[in-house]
Amino acid sequence: MTDVYVYYFMRHRGPGGEKFLSQRRATLEAIKGMGEPVMESQIVVDYTEVDGNGFLIGGVGSQSHPTDELWAQIRSLERRAISRDSEALKLNESTEGERKYMLSLESRELRGQAQRLKKQRTDLMAGELGNRSNPREFAQFGANPTTG
């Protein structure tokens, strides 16, 4: 089990040295020499979500839709829980029982956080659907479309 911290970062580009926000998060090690980390953008992910260069794999961009960002967080929480479960299975109950118990608690907490985010995402999506829907645009089920 290894949690990894990743950040967006400011890149310097162009002849004027303009600053641009990166499209992907990366570890501090990967950011070195490329730009300056935006510390407020820190998130924790499972090590399996970071490529060999230290960049978040399949992450959402900094301008992504809120539901996409929630989905990425949910996926990460679930991967971190699985990582803890896997590590706990490798431990010997008699000699490492306390560590096994702590991993189990952490896994349960991560899954609880994922559940709360799933509900938040569902509520957000339902709200967006409600804002886009116009009840007059839908035909009544079973009604004849030619008669209205």
C-alpha atoms as a PDB file:
ATOM      1  CA  MET A   1       0.000   0.000   0.000  1.00  0.00           C
ATOM      2  CA  THR A   2       1.423   3.293  -1.045  1.00  0.00           C
ATOM      3  CA  ASP A   3      -0.433   6.550  -1.262  1.00  0.00           C
ATOM      4  CA  VAL A   4       1.051   9.158  -3.569  1.00  0.00           C
ATOM      5  CA  TYR A   5       0.493  12.915  -3.538  1.00  0.00           C
ATOM      6  CA  VAL A   6      -0.011  14.566  -6.931  1.00  0.00           C
ATOM      7  CA  TYR A   7      -0.441  18.221  -7.885  1.00  0.00           C
ATOM      8  CA  TYR A   8      -1.226  20.457 -10.820  1.00  0.00           C
ATOM      9  CA  PHE A   9       1.665  22.746 -11.618  1.00  0.00           C
ATOM     10  CA  MET A  10       2.395  26.004 -13.381  1.00  0.00           C
ATOM     11  CA  ARG A  11       4.506  25.644 -16.538  1.00  0.00           C
ATOM     12  CA  HIS A  12       6.478  28.417 -18.159  1.00  0.00           C
ATOM     13  CA  ARG A  13       6.014  28.551 -21.919  1.00  0.00           C
ATOM     14  CA  GLY A  14       6.547  30.812 -24.839  1.00  0.00           C
ATOM     15  CA  PRO A  15       8.961  33.656 -25.470  1.00  0.00           C
ATOM     16  CA  GLY A  16       7.423  35.785 -22.720  1.00  0.00           C
ATOM     17  CA  GLY A  17       7.631  32.987 -20.186  1.00  0.00           C
ATOM     18  CA  GLU A  18       3.852  32.933 -19.759  1.00  0.00           C
ATOM     19  CA  LYS A  19       2.555  30.636 -17.027  1.00  0.00           C
ATOM     20  CA  PHE A  20       0.063  27.897 -17.855  1.00  0.00           C
ATOM     21  CA  LEU A  21      -1.628  25.411 -15.558  1.00  0.00           C
ATOM     22  CA  SER A  22      -0.725  21.811 -16.361  1.00  0.00           C
ATOM     23  CA  GLN A  23      -3.457  19.570 -17.718  1.00  0.00           C
ATOM     24  CA  ARG A  24      -2.415  16.631 -15.539  1.00  0.00           C
ATOM     25  CA  ARG A  25      -1.324  16.227 -11.956  1.00  0.00           C
ATOM     26  CA  ALA A  26       2.114  14.849 -11.136  1.00  0.00           C
ATOM     27  CA  THR A  27       4.291  14.039  -8.141  1.00  0.00           C
ATOM     28  CA  LEU A  28       6.631  16.686  -6.771  1.00  0.00           C
ATOM     29  CA  GLU A  29       9.561  14.664  -8.094  1.00  0.00           C
ATOM     30  CA  ALA A  30       8.126  14.714 -11.628  1.00  0.00           C
ATOM     31  CA  ILE A  31       7.380  18.444 -11.435  1.00  0.00           C
ATOM     32  CA  LYS A  32      10.977  19.383 -10.588  1.00  0.00           C
ATOM     33  CA  GLY A  33      12.453  21.390 -13.436  1.00  0.00           C
ATOM     34  CA  MET A  34       9.109  21.569 -15.248  1.00  0.00           C
ATOM     35  CA  GLY A  35       7.356  24.210 -13.213  1.00  0.00           C
ATOM     36  CA  GLU A  36       6.008  25.100  -9.790  1.00  0.00           C
ATOM     37  CA  PRO A  37       3.509  22.884  -7.960  1.00  0.00           C
ATOM     38  CA  VAL A  38       0.135  24.341  -7.038  1.00  0.00           C
ATOM     39  CA  MET A  39       0.059  23.051  -3.483  1.00  0.00           C
ATOM     40  CA  GLU A  40      -3.690  23.701  -3.079  1.00  0.00           C
ATOM     41  CA  SER A  41      -4.387  21.165  -5.841  1.00  0.00           C
ATOM     42  CA  GLN A  42      -2.888  18.258  -3.873  1.00  0.00           C
ATOM     43  CA  ILE A  43      -4.816  15.012  -3.923  1.00  0.00           C
ATOM     44  CA  VAL A  44      -3.904  11.550  -2.666  1.00  0.00           C
ATOM     45  CA  VAL A  45      -4.013   8.647  -5.103  1.00  0.00           C
ATOM     46  CA  ASP A  46      -2.932   5.021  -5.076  1.00  0.00           C
ATOM     47  CA  TYR A  47       0.528   4.330  -6.493  1.00  0.00           C
ATOM     48  CA  THR A  48      -1.094   2.279  -9.291  1.00  0.00           C
ATOM     49  CA  GLU A  49      -2.617   5.503 -10.646  1.00  0.00           C
ATOM     50  CA  VAL A  50       0.759   7.114 -11.355  1.00  0.00           C
ATOM     51  CA  ASP A  51       2.838   6.263 -14.413  1.00  0.00           C
ATOM     52  CA  GLY A  52       6.591   5.662 -14.466  1.00  0.00           C
ATOM     53  CA  ASN A  53       7.192   9.370 -15.088  1.00  0.00           C
ATOM     54  CA  GLY A  54       5.217  10.431 -12.008  1.00  0.00           C
ATOM     55  CA  PHE A  55       2.084  11.631 -13.820  1.00  0.00           C
ATOM     56  CA  LEU A  56      -1.465  10.715 -12.869  1.00  0.00           C
ATOM     57  CA  ILE A  57      -2.793   8.135 -15.323  1.00  0.00           C
ATOM     58  CA  GLY A  58      -6.181   8.843 -16.815  1.00  0.00           C
ATOM     59  CA  GLY A  59      -6.773  11.765 -14.541  1.00  0.00           C
ATOM     60  CA  VAL A  60      -9.187  14.482 -15.389  1.00  0.00           C
ATOM     61  CA  GLY A  61      -7.955  17.833 -16.591  1.00  0.00           C
ATOM     62  CA  SER A  62      -7.951  20.981 -14.540  1.00  0.00           C
ATOM     63  CA  GLN A  63     -10.933  22.302 -16.534  1.00  0.00           C
ATOM     64  CA  SER A  64     -12.981  19.112 -16.258  1.00  0.00           C
ATOM     65  CA  HIS A  65     -16.626  18.805 -15.375  1.00  0.00           C
ATOM     66  CA  PRO A  66     -17.343  18.415 -11.632  1.00  0.00           C
ATOM     67  CA  THR A  67     -18.921  14.970 -12.115  1.00  0.00           C
ATOM     68  CA  ASP A  68     -15.767  13.760 -13.891  1.00  0.00           C
ATOM     69  CA  GLU A  69     -13.626  15.039 -11.031  1.00  0.00           C
ATOM     70  CA  LEU A  70     -15.876  13.245  -8.530  1.00  0.00           C
ATOM     71  CA  TRP A  71     -15.662  10.028 -10.522  1.00  0.00           C
ATOM     72  CA  ALA A  72     -11.855  10.218 -10.523  1.00  0.00           C
ATOM     73  CA  GLN A  73     -11.866  10.749  -6.748  1.00  0.00           C
ATOM     74  CA  ILE A  74     -14.242   7.807  -6.258  1.00  0.00           C
ATOM     75  CA  ARG A  75     -12.062   5.556  -8.401  1.00  0.00           C
ATOM     76  CA  SER A  76      -8.975   6.597  -6.464  1.00  0.00           C
ATOM     77  CA  LEU A  77     -10.608   5.996  -3.081  1.00  0.00           C
ATOM     78  CA  GLU A  78     -11.709   2.539  -4.175  1.00  0.00           C
ATOM     79  CA  ARG A  79      -8.226   1.679  -5.462  1.00  0.00           C
ATOM     80  CA  ARG A  80      -6.665   2.825  -2.209  1.00  0.00           C
ATOM     81  CA  ALA A  81      -9.138   0.646  -0.270  1.00  0.00           C
ATOM     82  CA  ILE A  82      -8.298  -2.359  -2.445  1.00  0.00           C
ATOM     83  CA  SER A  83      -4.601  -1.716  -1.872  1.00  0.00           C
ATOM     84  CA  ARG A  84      -5.125  -1.782   1.895  1.00  0.00           C
ATOM     85  CA  ASP A  85      -7.221  -4.940   1.670  1.00  0.00           C
ATOM     86  CA  SER A  86      -4.490  -6.632  -0.381  1.00  0.00           C
ATOM     87  CA  GLU A  87      -1.825  -5.683   2.120  1.00  0.00           C
ATOM     88  CA  ALA A  88      -3.954  -6.877   5.044  1.00  0.00           C
ATOM     89  CA  LEU A  89      -4.396 -10.282   3.415  1.00  0.00           C
ATOM     90  CA  LYS A  90      -0.615 -10.721   3.324  1.00  0.00           C
ATOM     91  CA  LEU A  91      -0.205 -10.091   7.058  1.00  0.00           C
ATOM     92  CA  ASN A  92      -0.017 -12.757   9.748  1.00  0.00           C
ATOM     93  CA  GLU A  93      -2.874 -12.318  12.230  1.00  0.00           C
ATOM     94  CA  SER A  94      -0.875 -13.493  15.254  1.00  0.00           C
ATOM     95  CA  THR A  95       2.152 -11.247  14.749  1.00  0.00           C
ATOM     96  CA  GLU A  96       0.709  -8.319  12.792  1.00  0.00           C
ATOM     97  CA  GLY A  97      -2.889  -8.267  14.000  1.00  0.00           C
ATOM     98  CA  GLU A  98      -2.859  -4.597  14.973  1.00  0.00           C
ATOM     99  CA  ARG A  99      -1.542  -3.519  11.556  1.00  0.00           C
ATOM    100  CA  LYS A 100      -4.101  -5.757   9.837  1.00  0.00           C
ATOM    101  CA  TYR A 101      -6.893  -4.212  11.906  1.00  0.00           C
ATOM    102  CA  MET A 102      -5.732  -0.652  11.069  1.00  0.00           C
ATOM    103  CA  LEU A 103      -5.627  -1.462   7.363  1.00  0.00           C
ATOM    104  CA  SER A 104      -9.155  -2.835   7.636  1.00  0.00           C
ATOM    105  CA  LEU A 105     -10.342   0.372   9.326  1.00  0.00           C
ATOM    106  CA  GLU A 106      -8.645   2.532   6.699  1.00  0.00           C
ATOM    107  CA  SER A 107     -10.181   0.465   3.908  1.00  0.00           C
ATOM    108  CA  ARG A 108     -13.638   0.808   5.436  1.00  0.00           C
ATOM    109  CA  GLU A 109     -13.204   4.574   5.821  1.00  0.00           C
ATOM    110  CA  LEU A 110     -12.022   4.958   2.219  1.00  0.00           C
ATOM    111  CA  ARG A 111     -15.004   2.965   0.964  1.00  0.00           C
ATOM    112  CA  GLY A 112     -17.314   5.137   3.084  1.00  0.00           C
ATOM    113  CA  GLN A 113     -15.815   8.272   1.543  1.00  0.00           C
ATOM    114  CA  ALA A 114     -16.307   6.763  -1.919  1.00  0.00           C
ATOM    115  CA  GLN A 115     -19.968   6.023  -1.095  1.00  0.00           C
ATOM    116  CA  ARG A 116     -20.550   9.615   0.024  1.00  0.00           C
ATOM    117  CA  LEU A 117     -18.956  10.924  -3.173  1.00  0.00           C
ATOM    118  CA  LYS A 118     -21.076   8.550  -5.269  1.00  0.00           C
ATOM    119  CA  LYS A 119     -24.196   9.984  -3.665  1.00  0.00           C
ATOM    120  CA  GLN A 120     -22.919  13.528  -4.206  1.00  0.00           C
ATOM    121  CA  ARG A 121     -22.177  12.720  -7.862  1.00  0.00           C
ATOM    122  CA  THR A 122     -25.617  11.158  -8.351  1.00  0.00           C
ATOM    123  CA  ASP A 123     -27.291  14.190  -6.792  1.00  0.00           C
ATOM    124  CA  LEU A 124     -25.233  16.534  -8.965  1.00  0.00           C
ATOM    125  CA  MET A 125     -26.095  14.592 -12.117  1.00  0.00           C
ATOM    126  CA  ALA A 126     -29.784  14.491 -11.187  1.00  0.00           C
ATOM    127  CA  GLY A 127     -29.767  18.237 -10.594  1.00  0.00           C
ATOM    128  CA  GLU A 128     -28.152  18.853 -13.961  1.00  0.00           C
ATOM    129  CA  LEU A 129     -30.653  16.577 -15.670  1.00  0.00           C
ATOM    130  CA  GLY A 130     -33.493  18.420 -13.959  1.00  0.00           C
ATOM    131  CA  ASN A 131     -32.132  21.760 -15.157  1.00  0.00           C
ATOM    132  CA  ARG A 132     -31.860  20.538 -18.754  1.00  0.00           C
ATOM    133  CA  SER A 133     -35.196  18.785 -18.935  1.00  0.00           C
ATOM    134  CA  ASN A 134     -38.312  20.469 -20.126  1.00  0.00           C
ATOM    135  CA  PRO A 135     -41.362  18.346 -19.251  1.00  0.00           C
ATOM    136  CA  ARG A 136     -43.117  19.507 -22.424  1.00  0.00           C
ATOM    137  CA  GLU A 137     -40.390  17.879 -24.538  1.00  0.00           C
ATOM    138  CA  PHE A 138     -41.427  14.373 -23.492  1.00  0.00           C
ATOM    139  CA  ALA A 139     -44.418  12.557 -24.941  1.00  0.00           C
ATOM    140  CA  GLN A 140     -46.638  10.754 -22.483  1.00  0.00           C
ATOM    141  CA  PHE A 141     -45.951   7.029 -22.478  1.00  0.00           C
ATOM    142  CA  GLY A 142     -48.500   5.233 -24.583  1.00  0.00           C
ATOM    143  CA  ALA A 143     -49.797   8.404 -26.203  1.00  0.00           C
ATOM    144  CA  ASN A 144     -50.264   8.602 -29.956  1.00  0.00           C
ATOM    145  CA  PRO A 145     -47.535  10.957 -31.260  1.00  0.00           C
ATOM    146  CA  THR A 146     -49.783  12.256 -34.048  1.00  0.00           C
ATOM    147  CA  THR A 147     -52.523  13.378 -31.684  1.00  0.00           C
ATOM    148  CA  GLY A 148     -50.211  15.008 -29.157  1.00  0.00           C
END
